Amino acid sequence: MKLRFIWAVPLVLLIMINIGLLLFILSNVHGLKELASLELFILMWLFITFTIIFGAYQYFIWIKNKRM
């Protein structure tokens, strides 16, 4: 089994979740008004996003160096 592109799986899932979240917020009129009150949620989401991006980059480096 080749693990060459497994590093892209978290990024694809993250992009799909982000697009879904943005579409949900934009389709909900009250969502735009309440977005300002979601500072903690946005900070947590940014932390999770950067964690997933860092993990995907780490997988990419491991695969590139043939450690995986």
PDB file of N, CA and C in Angstrom:
ATOM      1  N   MET A   1       0.844  -1.180   0.000  1.00  0.00           N
ATOM      2  CA  MET A   1       0.000   0.000   0.000  1.00  0.00           C
ATOM      3  C   MET A   1       0.889   1.243   0.000  1.00  0.00           C
ATOM      4  N   LYS A   2       0.671   2.089  -0.942  1.00  0.00           N
ATOM      5  CA  LYS A   2       1.472   3.306  -1.023  1.00  0.00           C
ATOM      6  C   LYS A   2       0.829   4.406  -0.185  1.00  0.00           C
ATOM      7  N   LEU A   3       1.658   5.029   0.610  1.00  0.00           N
ATOM      8  CA  LEU A   3       1.191   6.116   1.477  1.00  0.00           C
ATOM      9  C   LEU A   3       1.656   7.461   0.947  1.00  0.00           C
ATOM     10  N   ARG A   4       1.822   7.550  -0.346  1.00  0.00           N
ATOM     11  CA  ARG A   4       2.429   8.737  -0.923  1.00  0.00           C
ATOM     12  C   ARG A   4       1.585   9.997  -0.729  1.00  0.00           C
ATOM     13  N   PHE A   5       0.283   9.869  -0.855  1.00  0.00           N
ATOM     14  CA  PHE A   5      -0.581  11.051  -0.787  1.00  0.00           C
ATOM     15  C   PHE A   5      -1.467  11.068   0.457  1.00  0.00           C
ATOM     16  N   ILE A   6      -1.107  10.287   1.473  1.00  0.00           N
ATOM     17  CA  ILE A   6      -1.933  10.263   2.681  1.00  0.00           C
ATOM     18  C   ILE A   6      -1.871  11.598   3.426  1.00  0.00           C
ATOM     19  N   TRP A   7      -0.816  12.374   3.200  1.00  0.00           N
ATOM     20  CA  TRP A   7      -0.699  13.668   3.872  1.00  0.00           C
ATOM     21  C   TRP A   7      -1.769  14.635   3.390  1.00  0.00           C
ATOM     22  N   ALA A   8      -2.334  14.396   2.193  1.00  0.00           N
ATOM     23  CA  ALA A   8      -3.338  15.303   1.642  1.00  0.00           C
ATOM     24  C   ALA A   8      -4.735  15.039   2.201  1.00  0.00           C
ATOM     25  N   VAL A   9      -4.954  13.880   2.800  1.00  0.00           N
ATOM     26  CA  VAL A   9      -6.290  13.540   3.307  1.00  0.00           C
ATOM     27  C   VAL A   9      -6.760  14.519   4.383  1.00  0.00           C
ATOM     28  N   PRO A  10      -5.953  14.840   5.407  1.00  0.00           N
ATOM     29  CA  PRO A  10      -6.435  15.824   6.389  1.00  0.00           C
ATOM     30  C   PRO A  10      -6.708  17.190   5.783  1.00  0.00           C
ATOM     31  N   LEU A  11      -5.902  17.583   4.800  1.00  0.00           N
ATOM     32  CA  LEU A  11      -6.126  18.885   4.175  1.00  0.00           C
ATOM     33  C   LEU A  11      -7.423  18.916   3.386  1.00  0.00           C
ATOM     34  N   VAL A  12      -7.729  17.839   2.670  1.00  0.00           N
ATOM     35  CA  VAL A  12      -8.977  17.782   1.902  1.00  0.00           C
ATOM     36  C   VAL A  12     -10.172  17.810   2.846  1.00  0.00           C
ATOM     37  N   LEU A  13     -10.103  17.048   3.932  1.00  0.00           N
ATOM     38  CA  LEU A  13     -11.199  17.064   4.906  1.00  0.00           C
ATOM     39  C   LEU A  13     -11.352  18.440   5.544  1.00  0.00           C
ATOM     40  N   LEU A  14     -10.240  19.079   5.841  1.00  0.00           N
ATOM     41  CA  LEU A  14     -10.292  20.412   6.437  1.00  0.00           C
ATOM     42  C   LEU A  14     -10.915  21.425   5.487  1.00  0.00           C
ATOM     43  N   ILE A  15     -10.553  21.359   4.220  1.00  0.00           N
ATOM     44  CA  ILE A  15     -11.129  22.273   3.230  1.00  0.00           C
ATOM     45  C   ILE A  15     -12.628  22.038   3.100  1.00  0.00           C
ATOM     46  N   MET A  16     -13.053  20.766   3.075  1.00  0.00           N
ATOM     47  CA  MET A  16     -14.484  20.470   2.958  1.00  0.00           C
ATOM     48  C   MET A  16     -15.255  20.974   4.174  1.00  0.00           C
ATOM     49  N   ILE A  17     -14.692  20.781   5.365  1.00  0.00           N
ATOM     50  CA  ILE A  17     -15.365  21.251   6.581  1.00  0.00           C
ATOM     51  C   ILE A  17     -15.430  22.771   6.609  1.00  0.00           C
ATOM     52  N   ASN A  18     -14.341  23.430   6.218  1.00  0.00           N
ATOM     53  CA  ASN A  18     -14.340  24.899   6.202  1.00  0.00           C
ATOM     54  C   ASN A  18     -15.349  25.451   5.208  1.00  0.00           C
ATOM     55  N   ILE A  19     -15.439  24.852   4.026  1.00  0.00           N
ATOM     56  CA  ILE A  19     -16.420  25.306   3.032  1.00  0.00           C
ATOM     57  C   ILE A  19     -17.835  25.093   3.549  1.00  0.00           C
ATOM     58  N   GLY A  20     -18.092  23.945   4.163  1.00  0.00           N
ATOM     59  CA  GLY A  20     -19.414  23.685   4.722  1.00  0.00           C
ATOM     60  C   GLY A  20     -19.771  24.652   5.832  1.00  0.00           C
ATOM     61  N   LEU A  21     -18.799  24.950   6.695  1.00  0.00           N
ATOM     62  CA  LEU A  21     -19.049  25.894   7.784  1.00  0.00           C
ATOM     63  C   LEU A  21     -19.318  27.292   7.253  1.00  0.00           C
ATOM     64  N   LEU A  22     -18.548  27.728   6.266  1.00  0.00           N
ATOM     65  CA  LEU A  22     -18.774  29.051   5.682  1.00  0.00           C
ATOM     66  C   LEU A  22     -20.122  29.135   4.978  1.00  0.00           C
ATOM     67  N   LEU A  23     -20.494  28.095   4.241  1.00  0.00           N
ATOM     68  CA  LEU A  23     -21.796  28.108   3.568  1.00  0.00           C
ATOM     69  C   LEU A  23     -22.937  28.119   4.574  1.00  0.00           C
ATOM     70  N   PHE A  24     -22.781  27.391   5.688  1.00  0.00           N
ATOM     71  CA  PHE A  24     -23.817  27.392   6.717  1.00  0.00           C
ATOM     72  C   PHE A  24     -23.959  28.778   7.342  1.00  0.00           C
ATOM     73  N   ILE A  25     -22.833  29.419   7.630  1.00  0.00           N
ATOM     74  CA  ILE A  25     -22.885  30.759   8.232  1.00  0.00           C
ATOM     75  C   ILE A  25     -23.481  31.763   7.256  1.00  0.00           C
ATOM     76  N   LEU A  26     -23.076  31.689   5.982  1.00  0.00           N
ATOM     77  CA  LEU A  26     -23.573  32.653   5.005  1.00  0.00           C
ATOM     78  C   LEU A  26     -25.038  32.425   4.648  1.00  0.00           C
ATOM     79  N   SER A  27     -25.502  31.171   4.708  1.00  0.00           N
ATOM     80  CA  SER A  27     -26.902  30.912   4.379  1.00  0.00           C
ATOM     81  C   SER A  27     -27.831  31.273   5.536  1.00  0.00           C
ATOM     82  N   ASN A  28     -27.284  31.400   6.715  1.00  0.00           N
ATOM     83  CA  ASN A  28     -28.075  31.733   7.890  1.00  0.00           C
ATOM     84  C   ASN A  28     -27.930  33.233   8.154  1.00  0.00           C
ATOM     85  N   VAL A  29     -29.024  33.971   8.035  1.00  0.00           N
ATOM     86  CA  VAL A  29     -28.981  35.425   8.221  1.00  0.00           C
ATOM     87  C   VAL A  29     -28.558  35.773   9.641  1.00  0.00           C
ATOM     88  N   HIS A  30     -29.054  35.025  10.608  1.00  0.00           N
ATOM     89  CA  HIS A  30     -28.700  35.298  11.995  1.00  0.00           C
ATOM     90  C   HIS A  30     -27.258  34.887  12.278  1.00  0.00           C
ATOM     91  N   GLY A  31     -26.728  33.980  11.468  1.00  0.00           N
ATOM     92  CA  GLY A  31     -25.350  33.540  11.673  1.00  0.00           C
ATOM     93  C   GLY A  31     -24.358  34.658  11.486  1.00  0.00           C
ATOM     94  N   LEU A  32     -24.624  35.546  10.540  1.00  0.00           N
ATOM     95  CA  LEU A  32     -23.715  36.673  10.332  1.00  0.00           C
ATOM     96  C   LEU A  32     -23.758  37.641  11.501  1.00  0.00           C
ATOM     97  N   LYS A  33     -24.946  37.818  12.097  1.00  0.00           N
ATOM     98  CA  LYS A  33     -25.070  38.724  13.237  1.00  0.00           C
ATOM     99  C   LYS A  33     -24.410  38.136  14.482  1.00  0.00           C
ATOM    100  N   GLU A  34     -24.507  36.824  14.624  1.00  0.00           N
ATOM    101  CA  GLU A  34     -23.965  36.187  15.820  1.00  0.00           C
ATOM    102  C   GLU A  34     -22.507  35.784  15.665  1.00  0.00           C
ATOM    103  N   LEU A  35     -21.936  36.020  14.509  1.00  0.00           N
ATOM    104  CA  LEU A  35     -20.546  35.639  14.281  1.00  0.00           C
ATOM    105  C   LEU A  35     -19.607  36.407  15.204  1.00  0.00           C
ATOM    106  N   ALA A  36     -19.957  37.625  15.532  1.00  0.00           N
ATOM    107  CA  ALA A  36     -19.120  38.437  16.416  1.00  0.00           C
ATOM    108  C   ALA A  36     -19.084  37.871  17.832  1.00  0.00           C
ATOM    109  N   SER A  37     -20.130  37.151  18.224  1.00  0.00           N
ATOM    110  CA  SER A  37     -20.166  36.595  19.570  1.00  0.00           C
ATOM    111  C   SER A  37     -19.505  35.224  19.648  1.00  0.00           C
ATOM    112  N   LEU A  38     -18.961  34.759  18.557  1.00  0.00           N
ATOM    113  CA  LEU A  38     -18.353  33.432  18.535  1.00  0.00           C
ATOM    114  C   LEU A  38     -16.826  33.499  18.540  1.00  0.00           C
ATOM    115  N   GLU A  39     -16.264  34.445  19.276  1.00  0.00           N
ATOM    116  CA  GLU A  39     -14.816  34.617  19.256  1.00  0.00           C
ATOM    117  C   GLU A  39     -14.085  33.375  19.747  1.00  0.00           C
ATOM    118  N   LEU A  40     -14.569  32.764  20.821  1.00  0.00           N
ATOM    119  CA  LEU A  40     -13.910  31.576  21.357  1.00  0.00           C
ATOM    120  C   LEU A  40     -13.999  30.421  20.369  1.00  0.00           C
ATOM    121  N   PHE A  41     -15.162  30.257  19.729  1.00  0.00           N
ATOM    122  CA  PHE A  41     -15.320  29.202  18.735  1.00  0.00           C
ATOM    123  C   PHE A  41     -14.362  29.406  17.566  1.00  0.00           C
ATOM    124  N   ILE A  42     -14.229  30.647  17.113  1.00  0.00           N
ATOM    125  CA  ILE A  42     -13.339  30.932  15.987  1.00  0.00           C
ATOM    126  C   ILE A  42     -11.888  30.672  16.383  1.00  0.00           C
ATOM    127  N   LEU A  43     -11.503  31.044  17.593  1.00  0.00           N
ATOM    128  CA  LEU A  43     -10.140  30.778  18.049  1.00  0.00           C
ATOM    129  C   LEU A  43      -9.869  29.282  18.155  1.00  0.00           C
ATOM    130  N   MET A  44     -10.836  28.524  18.674  1.00  0.00           N
ATOM    131  CA  MET A  44     -10.670  27.074  18.751  1.00  0.00           C
ATOM    132  C   MET A  44     -10.581  26.471  17.359  1.00  0.00           C
ATOM    133  N   TRP A  45     -11.402  26.952  16.431  1.00  0.00           N
ATOM    134  CA  TRP A  45     -11.383  26.429  15.069  1.00  0.00           C
ATOM    135  C   TRP A  45     -10.053  26.744  14.385  1.00  0.00           C
ATOM    136  N   LEU A  46      -9.506  27.926  14.618  1.00  0.00           N
ATOM    137  CA  LEU A  46      -8.196  28.259  14.058  1.00  0.00           C
ATOM    138  C   LEU A  46      -7.104  27.364  14.633  1.00  0.00           C
ATOM    139  N   PHE A  47      -7.173  27.077  15.928  1.00  0.00           N
ATOM    140  CA  PHE A  47      -6.194  26.185  16.542  1.00  0.00           C
ATOM    141  C   PHE A  47      -6.277  24.790  15.935  1.00  0.00           C
ATOM    142  N   ILE A  48      -7.491  24.274  15.768  1.00  0.00           N
ATOM    143  CA  ILE A  48      -7.668  22.955  15.158  1.00  0.00           C
ATOM    144  C   ILE A  48      -7.176  22.964  13.719  1.00  0.00           C
ATOM    145  N   THR A  49      -7.469  24.033  12.984  1.00  0.00           N
ATOM    146  CA  THR A  49      -7.034  24.140  11.592  1.00  0.00           C
ATOM    147  C   THR A  49      -5.517  24.108  11.492  1.00  0.00           C
ATOM    148  N   PHE A  50      -4.840  24.902  12.306  1.00  0.00           N
ATOM    149  CA  PHE A  50      -3.381  24.917  12.248  1.00  0.00           C
ATOM    150  C   PHE A  50      -2.787  23.592  12.710  1.00  0.00           C
ATOM    151  N   THR A  51      -3.436  22.925  13.665  1.00  0.00           N
ATOM    152  CA  THR A  51      -2.962  21.615  14.102  1.00  0.00           C
ATOM    153  C   THR A  51      -3.057  20.602  12.973  1.00  0.00           C
ATOM    154  N   ILE A  52      -4.161  20.604  12.234  1.00  0.00           N
ATOM    155  CA  ILE A  52      -4.325  19.677  11.118  1.00  0.00           C
ATOM    156  C   ILE A  52      -3.334  19.995  10.009  1.00  0.00           C
ATOM    157  N   ILE A  53      -3.136  21.268   9.718  1.00  0.00           N
ATOM    158  CA  ILE A  53      -2.171  21.639   8.677  1.00  0.00           C
ATOM    159  C   ILE A  53      -0.761  21.213   9.089  1.00  0.00           C
ATOM    160  N   PHE A  54      -0.389  21.418  10.340  1.00  0.00           N
ATOM    161  CA  PHE A  54       0.934  21.007  10.807  1.00  0.00           C
ATOM    162  C   PHE A  54       1.088  19.493  10.751  1.00  0.00           C
ATOM    163  N   GLY A  55       0.038  18.760  11.139  1.00  0.00           N
ATOM    164  CA  GLY A  55       0.091  17.299  11.065  1.00  0.00           C
ATOM    165  C   GLY A  55       0.232  16.798   9.639  1.00  0.00           C
ATOM    166  N   ALA A  56      -0.482  17.408   8.714  1.00  0.00           N
ATOM    167  CA  ALA A  56      -0.365  17.018   7.309  1.00  0.00           C
ATOM    168  C   ALA A  56       1.033  17.324   6.786  1.00  0.00           C
ATOM    169  N   TYR A  57       1.595  18.446   7.182  1.00  0.00           N
ATOM    170  CA  TYR A  57       2.954  18.787   6.762  1.00  0.00           C
ATOM    171  C   TYR A  57       3.962  17.800   7.344  1.00  0.00           C
ATOM    172  N   GLN A  58       3.730  17.382   8.579  1.00  0.00           N
ATOM    173  CA  GLN A  58       4.620  16.410   9.202  1.00  0.00           C
ATOM    174  C   GLN A  58       4.548  15.070   8.473  1.00  0.00           C
ATOM    175  N   TYR A  59       3.342  14.609   8.114  1.00  0.00           N
ATOM    176  CA  TYR A  59       3.217  13.390   7.310  1.00  0.00           C
ATOM    177  C   TYR A  59       3.942  13.544   5.982  1.00  0.00           C
ATOM    178  N   PHE A  60       3.802  14.707   5.349  1.00  0.00           N
ATOM    179  CA  PHE A  60       4.459  14.955   4.068  1.00  0.00           C
ATOM    180  C   PHE A  60       5.978  14.834   4.209  1.00  0.00           C
ATOM    181  N   ILE A  61       6.530  15.407   5.264  1.00  0.00           N
ATOM    182  CA  ILE A  61       7.980  15.338   5.482  1.00  0.00           C
ATOM    183  C   ILE A  61       8.412  13.904   5.764  1.00  0.00           C
ATOM    184  N   TRP A  62       7.623  13.169   6.566  1.00  0.00           N
ATOM    185  CA  TRP A  62       7.969  11.778   6.855  1.00  0.00           C
ATOM    186  C   TRP A  62       7.975  10.936   5.588  1.00  0.00           C
ATOM    187  N   ILE A  63       6.968  11.121   4.752  1.00  0.00           N
ATOM    188  CA  ILE A  63       6.882  10.345   3.517  1.00  0.00           C
ATOM    189  C   ILE A  63       8.001  10.756   2.565  1.00  0.00           C
ATOM    190  N   LYS A  64       8.296  12.040   2.518  1.00  0.00           N
ATOM    191  CA  LYS A  64       9.366  12.522   1.640  1.00  0.00           C
ATOM    192  C   LYS A  64      10.716  11.943   2.056  1.00  0.00           C
ATOM    193  N   ASN A  65      10.946  11.809   3.352  1.00  0.00           N
ATOM    194  CA  ASN A  65      12.199  11.245   3.857  1.00  0.00           C
ATOM    195  C   ASN A  65      12.150   9.725   3.965  1.00  0.00           C
ATOM    196  N   LYS A  66      11.065   9.111   3.493  1.00  0.00           N
ATOM    197  CA  LYS A  66      10.867   7.656   3.476  1.00  0.00           C
ATOM    198  C   LYS A  66      10.954   7.032   4.870  1.00  0.00           C
ATOM    199  N   ARG A  67      10.420   7.719   5.843  1.00  0.00           N
ATOM    200  CA  ARG A  67      10.344   7.170   7.194  1.00  0.00           C
ATOM    201  C   ARG A  67       9.033   6.446   7.430  1.00  0.00           C
ATOM    202  N   MET A  68       8.106   6.583   6.511  1.00  0.00           N
ATOM    203  CA  MET A  68       6.787   5.993   6.711  1.00  0.00           C
ATOM    204  C   MET A  68       6.497   5.022   5.612  1.00  0.00           C
TER     205      MET A  68
END
